[in-house]
């Protein structure tokens, strides 16, 4: 996983193309540096209240199951809490099906768990994250997918054109409309002198 662009870059534009030739791009502002990944791992979440055998069918072969939360085997007794590790250890994965018979002793289970299932999809996913790992953008397309990142460093505000300068800070900002008007006036002046 490579980092793209630096904190000095204002924007990053990610261009990506899927196997069918569909081209897209996304502009990320104020989040550099970024990381871009392409893989075929999809994620789905489901919730369980702890009152029945867990059975979940994913859209593709399961690669990982994680969870957060707790169940209680006896709803009124906190000492019977079951952490995620316990529920997962009493589960099994067979291709695209996850099941867990975490408790067959009591009938008044309570609690709430959120399960995240990673599975192999029949498409590629492109994900863009910032340096803290926060997901900024996600899309999918036909596999294999390719991408390119263009870093954009703008020193001038909207409506101003950047030009190089010998002195500090190494650039200047000119009003784009004013510059265009001056160039147009000079062009007309030269045409008048040349008689064209």
Protein backbone atom coordinates (compact mmCIF):
# COMPACT_ATOMS: atom_id res chain seq x y z
CA UNK A 1 0.00 0.00 0.00
CA UNK A 2 1.69 3.18 -1.19
CA UNK A 3 1.22 6.75 0.02
CA UNK A 4 0.38 9.39 -2.55
CA UNK A 5 0.78 13.17 -2.39
CA UNK A 6 2.15 15.22 0.49
CA UNK A 7 0.60 17.60 2.99
CA UNK A 8 1.79 20.45 0.74
CA UNK A 9 -0.56 19.21 -2.00
CA UNK A 10 -4.07 20.68 -1.71
CA UNK A 11 -5.79 17.94 -3.69
CA UNK A 12 -5.33 14.44 -5.06
CA UNK A 13 -7.18 13.23 -8.13
CA UNK A 14 -7.54 9.48 -8.49
CA UNK A 15 -8.24 8.20 -12.01
CA UNK A 16 -9.36 4.55 -12.26
CA UNK A 17 -10.41 2.19 -15.04
CA UNK A 18 -12.15 -1.17 -14.78
CA UNK A 19 -11.72 -4.21 -17.06
CA UNK A 20 -14.62 -3.06 -19.26
CA UNK A 21 -12.83 0.22 -20.00
CA UNK A 22 -15.14 2.30 -17.78
CA UNK A 23 -13.10 5.34 -16.67
CA UNK A 24 -13.91 7.36 -13.57
CA UNK A 25 -12.13 9.77 -11.25
CA UNK A 26 -12.56 11.30 -7.84
CA UNK A 27 -11.08 14.50 -6.40
CA UNK A 28 -9.96 14.31 -2.76
CA UNK A 29 -9.38 17.68 -1.06
CA UNK A 30 -7.50 18.50 2.15
CA UNK A 31 -6.75 14.87 3.15
CA UNK A 32 -3.19 14.27 1.86
CA UNK A 33 -1.28 12.05 2.04
CA UNK A 34 -3.65 9.33 0.87
CA UNK A 35 -3.42 5.59 0.25
CA UNK A 36 -5.19 3.77 -2.57
CA UNK A 37 -5.91 0.04 -2.60
CA UNK A 38 -7.61 -2.24 -5.08
CA UNK A 39 -8.75 -5.68 -4.03
CA UNK A 40 -11.70 -8.02 -4.37
CA UNK A 41 -12.57 -8.13 -0.66
CA UNK A 42 -16.08 -6.92 0.07
CA UNK A 43 -17.50 -6.35 3.55
CA UNK A 44 -20.98 -6.88 4.90
CA UNK A 45 -22.31 -6.33 8.42
CA UNK A 46 -25.12 -8.02 10.25
CA UNK A 47 -26.50 -7.82 13.80
CA UNK A 48 -27.54 -10.55 16.18
CA UNK A 49 -29.48 -10.10 19.43
CA UNK A 50 -28.20 -13.34 20.89
CA UNK A 51 -31.52 -15.16 20.94
CA UNK A 52 -30.93 -17.66 18.13
CA UNK A 53 -28.27 -19.68 16.35
CA UNK A 54 -26.23 -17.41 14.11
CA UNK A 55 -26.29 -18.27 10.41
CA UNK A 56 -25.11 -15.81 7.79
CA UNK A 57 -24.73 -16.40 4.04
CA UNK A 58 -22.25 -14.01 2.38
CA UNK A 59 -22.25 -13.07 -1.33
CA UNK A 60 -18.85 -14.77 -1.80
CA UNK A 61 -16.29 -17.00 -0.08
CA UNK A 62 -15.70 -15.73 3.47
CA UNK A 63 -12.13 -14.71 4.35
CA UNK A 64 -12.64 -13.20 7.83
CA UNK A 65 -15.34 -12.71 10.46
CA UNK A 66 -14.98 -10.15 13.28
CA UNK A 67 -17.45 -8.72 15.77
CA UNK A 68 -18.08 -6.19 18.52
CA UNK A 69 -20.47 -6.37 21.45
CA UNK A 70 -21.46 -8.99 24.05
CA UNK A 71 -24.13 -11.58 24.64
CA UNK A 72 -25.34 -12.86 28.00
CA UNK A 73 -26.26 -16.49 28.28
CA UNK A 74 -28.60 -15.57 31.15
CA UNK A 75 -30.04 -12.13 30.48
CA UNK A 76 -30.16 -11.02 34.13
CA UNK A 77 -26.70 -12.35 35.07
CA UNK A 78 -23.69 -10.22 33.94
CA UNK A 79 -21.30 -13.02 34.91
CA UNK A 80 -22.56 -15.04 31.93
CA UNK A 81 -21.42 -12.50 29.32
CA UNK A 82 -19.88 -14.00 26.20
CA UNK A 83 -17.29 -11.85 24.39
CA UNK A 84 -16.82 -11.87 20.62
CA UNK A 85 -13.85 -14.20 20.83
CA UNK A 86 -16.02 -16.85 22.48
CA UNK A 87 -18.83 -16.56 19.94
CA UNK A 88 -16.38 -16.70 17.02
CA UNK A 89 -14.51 -19.65 18.51
CA UNK A 90 -17.81 -21.58 18.64
CA UNK A 91 -18.48 -20.81 15.01
CA UNK A 92 -17.49 -22.31 11.71
CA UNK A 93 -17.08 -21.05 8.17
CA UNK A 94 -17.79 -23.18 5.14
CA UNK A 95 -17.18 -21.31 1.87
CA UNK A 96 -19.73 -18.48 2.09
CA UNK A 97 -21.66 -19.56 5.22
CA UNK A 98 -20.79 -18.57 8.80
CA UNK A 99 -22.60 -20.27 11.69
CA UNK A 100 -22.12 -20.12 15.45
CA UNK A 101 -23.82 -22.22 18.07
CA UNK A 102 -22.43 -20.15 20.92
CA UNK A 103 -24.90 -21.34 23.54
CA UNK A 104 -27.19 -24.31 23.76
CA UNK A 105 -27.62 -24.30 27.55
CA UNK A 106 -29.94 -21.36 28.21
CA UNK A 107 -32.94 -19.92 26.46
CA UNK A 108 -32.93 -16.30 27.70
CA UNK A 109 -29.87 -14.93 25.89
CA UNK A 110 -29.68 -11.16 25.53
CA UNK A 111 -27.26 -8.67 24.12
CA UNK A 112 -26.22 -7.28 20.81
CA UNK A 113 -23.32 -8.08 18.51
CA UNK A 114 -22.35 -6.57 15.21
CA UNK A 115 -20.53 -8.96 12.89
CA UNK A 116 -18.38 -7.87 9.96
CA UNK A 117 -17.84 -10.47 7.26
CA UNK A 118 -15.07 -10.08 4.68
CA UNK A 119 -15.74 -12.04 1.51
CA UNK A 120 -14.27 -12.46 -1.97
CA UNK A 121 -16.42 -10.56 -4.47
CA UNK A 122 -16.67 -10.99 -8.23
CA UNK A 123 -15.63 -7.33 -8.71
CA UNK A 124 -12.68 -5.19 -7.62
CA UNK A 125 -13.08 -2.49 -4.98
CA UNK A 126 -11.02 0.71 -4.99
CA UNK A 127 -10.63 2.38 -1.61
CA UNK A 128 -9.01 5.73 -0.77
CA UNK A 129 -8.01 6.44 2.82
CA UNK A 130 -6.24 9.27 4.61
CA UNK A 131 -3.11 8.80 6.75
CA UNK A 132 -5.28 7.90 9.78
CA UNK A 133 -6.89 5.07 7.84
CA UNK A 134 -10.28 6.80 7.52
CA UNK A 135 -12.14 5.65 4.41
CA UNK A 136 -12.66 8.69 2.15
CA UNK A 137 -13.98 6.99 -0.98
CA UNK A 138 -15.01 3.55 -2.22
CA UNK A 139 -16.24 2.26 -5.56
CA UNK A 140 -16.23 -1.01 -7.48
CA UNK A 141 -15.87 -2.20 -11.05
CA UNK A 142 -15.05 -5.16 -13.26
CA UNK A 143 -11.79 -6.88 -12.37
CA UNK A 144 -8.96 -6.15 -12.92
CA UNK A 145 -9.05 -2.46 -12.11
CA UNK A 146 -6.15 0.00 -12.53
CA UNK A 147 -5.57 3.50 -11.15
CA UNK A 148 -3.34 6.57 -11.31
CA UNK A 149 -3.00 9.44 -8.82
CA UNK A 150 -2.33 13.07 -9.73
CA UNK A 151 -1.21 15.38 -6.90
CA UNK A 152 -2.38 18.99 -7.20
CA UNK A 153 -0.59 21.82 -5.43
CA UNK A 154 -2.38 25.14 -5.71
CA UNK A 155 -1.01 28.23 -4.02
CA UNK A 156 -3.48 30.72 -5.46
CA UNK A 157 -7.18 31.07 -4.65
CA UNK A 158 -9.93 30.30 -7.16
CA UNK A 159 -9.91 32.76 -10.06
CA UNK A 160 -6.19 33.48 -9.84
CA UNK A 161 -3.46 32.01 -12.03
CA UNK A 162 -0.17 30.92 -10.51
CA UNK A 163 3.06 32.14 -12.09
CA UNK A 164 6.69 31.53 -11.18
CA UNK A 165 8.61 34.28 -9.39
CA UNK A 166 12.32 34.64 -8.58
CA UNK A 167 11.71 35.91 -5.05
CA UNK A 168 10.12 34.28 -2.04
CA UNK A 169 7.85 32.26 -2.01
CA UNK A 170 8.69 31.33 -5.63
CA UNK A 171 5.28 32.10 -7.16
CA UNK A 172 2.83 34.93 -7.66
CA UNK A 173 -0.93 35.02 -8.17
CA UNK A 174 -2.49 36.97 -11.03
CA UNK A 175 -6.18 37.59 -11.57
CA UNK A 176 -7.04 35.20 -14.46
CA UNK A 177 -9.73 37.46 -15.99
CA UNK A 178 -7.46 40.51 -15.81
CA UNK A 179 -4.59 38.58 -17.42
CA UNK A 180 -6.87 37.27 -20.19
CA UNK A 181 -8.15 40.82 -20.88
CA UNK A 182 -4.59 42.17 -21.12
CA UNK A 183 -3.54 39.38 -23.50
CA UNK A 184 -6.63 40.04 -25.64
CA UNK A 185 -5.87 43.80 -25.73
CA UNK A 186 -2.23 43.16 -26.71
CA UNK A 187 -3.35 40.76 -29.46
CA UNK A 188 -5.71 43.39 -30.88
CA UNK A 189 -2.94 46.01 -30.69
CA UNK A 190 -0.48 43.77 -32.59
CA UNK A 191 -3.12 42.98 -35.23
CA UNK A 192 -3.72 46.72 -35.64
CA UNK A 193 0.00 47.37 -36.15
CA UNK A 194 0.34 44.53 -38.64
CA UNK A 195 -2.79 45.61 -40.47
CA UNK A 196 -4.59 42.30 -39.97
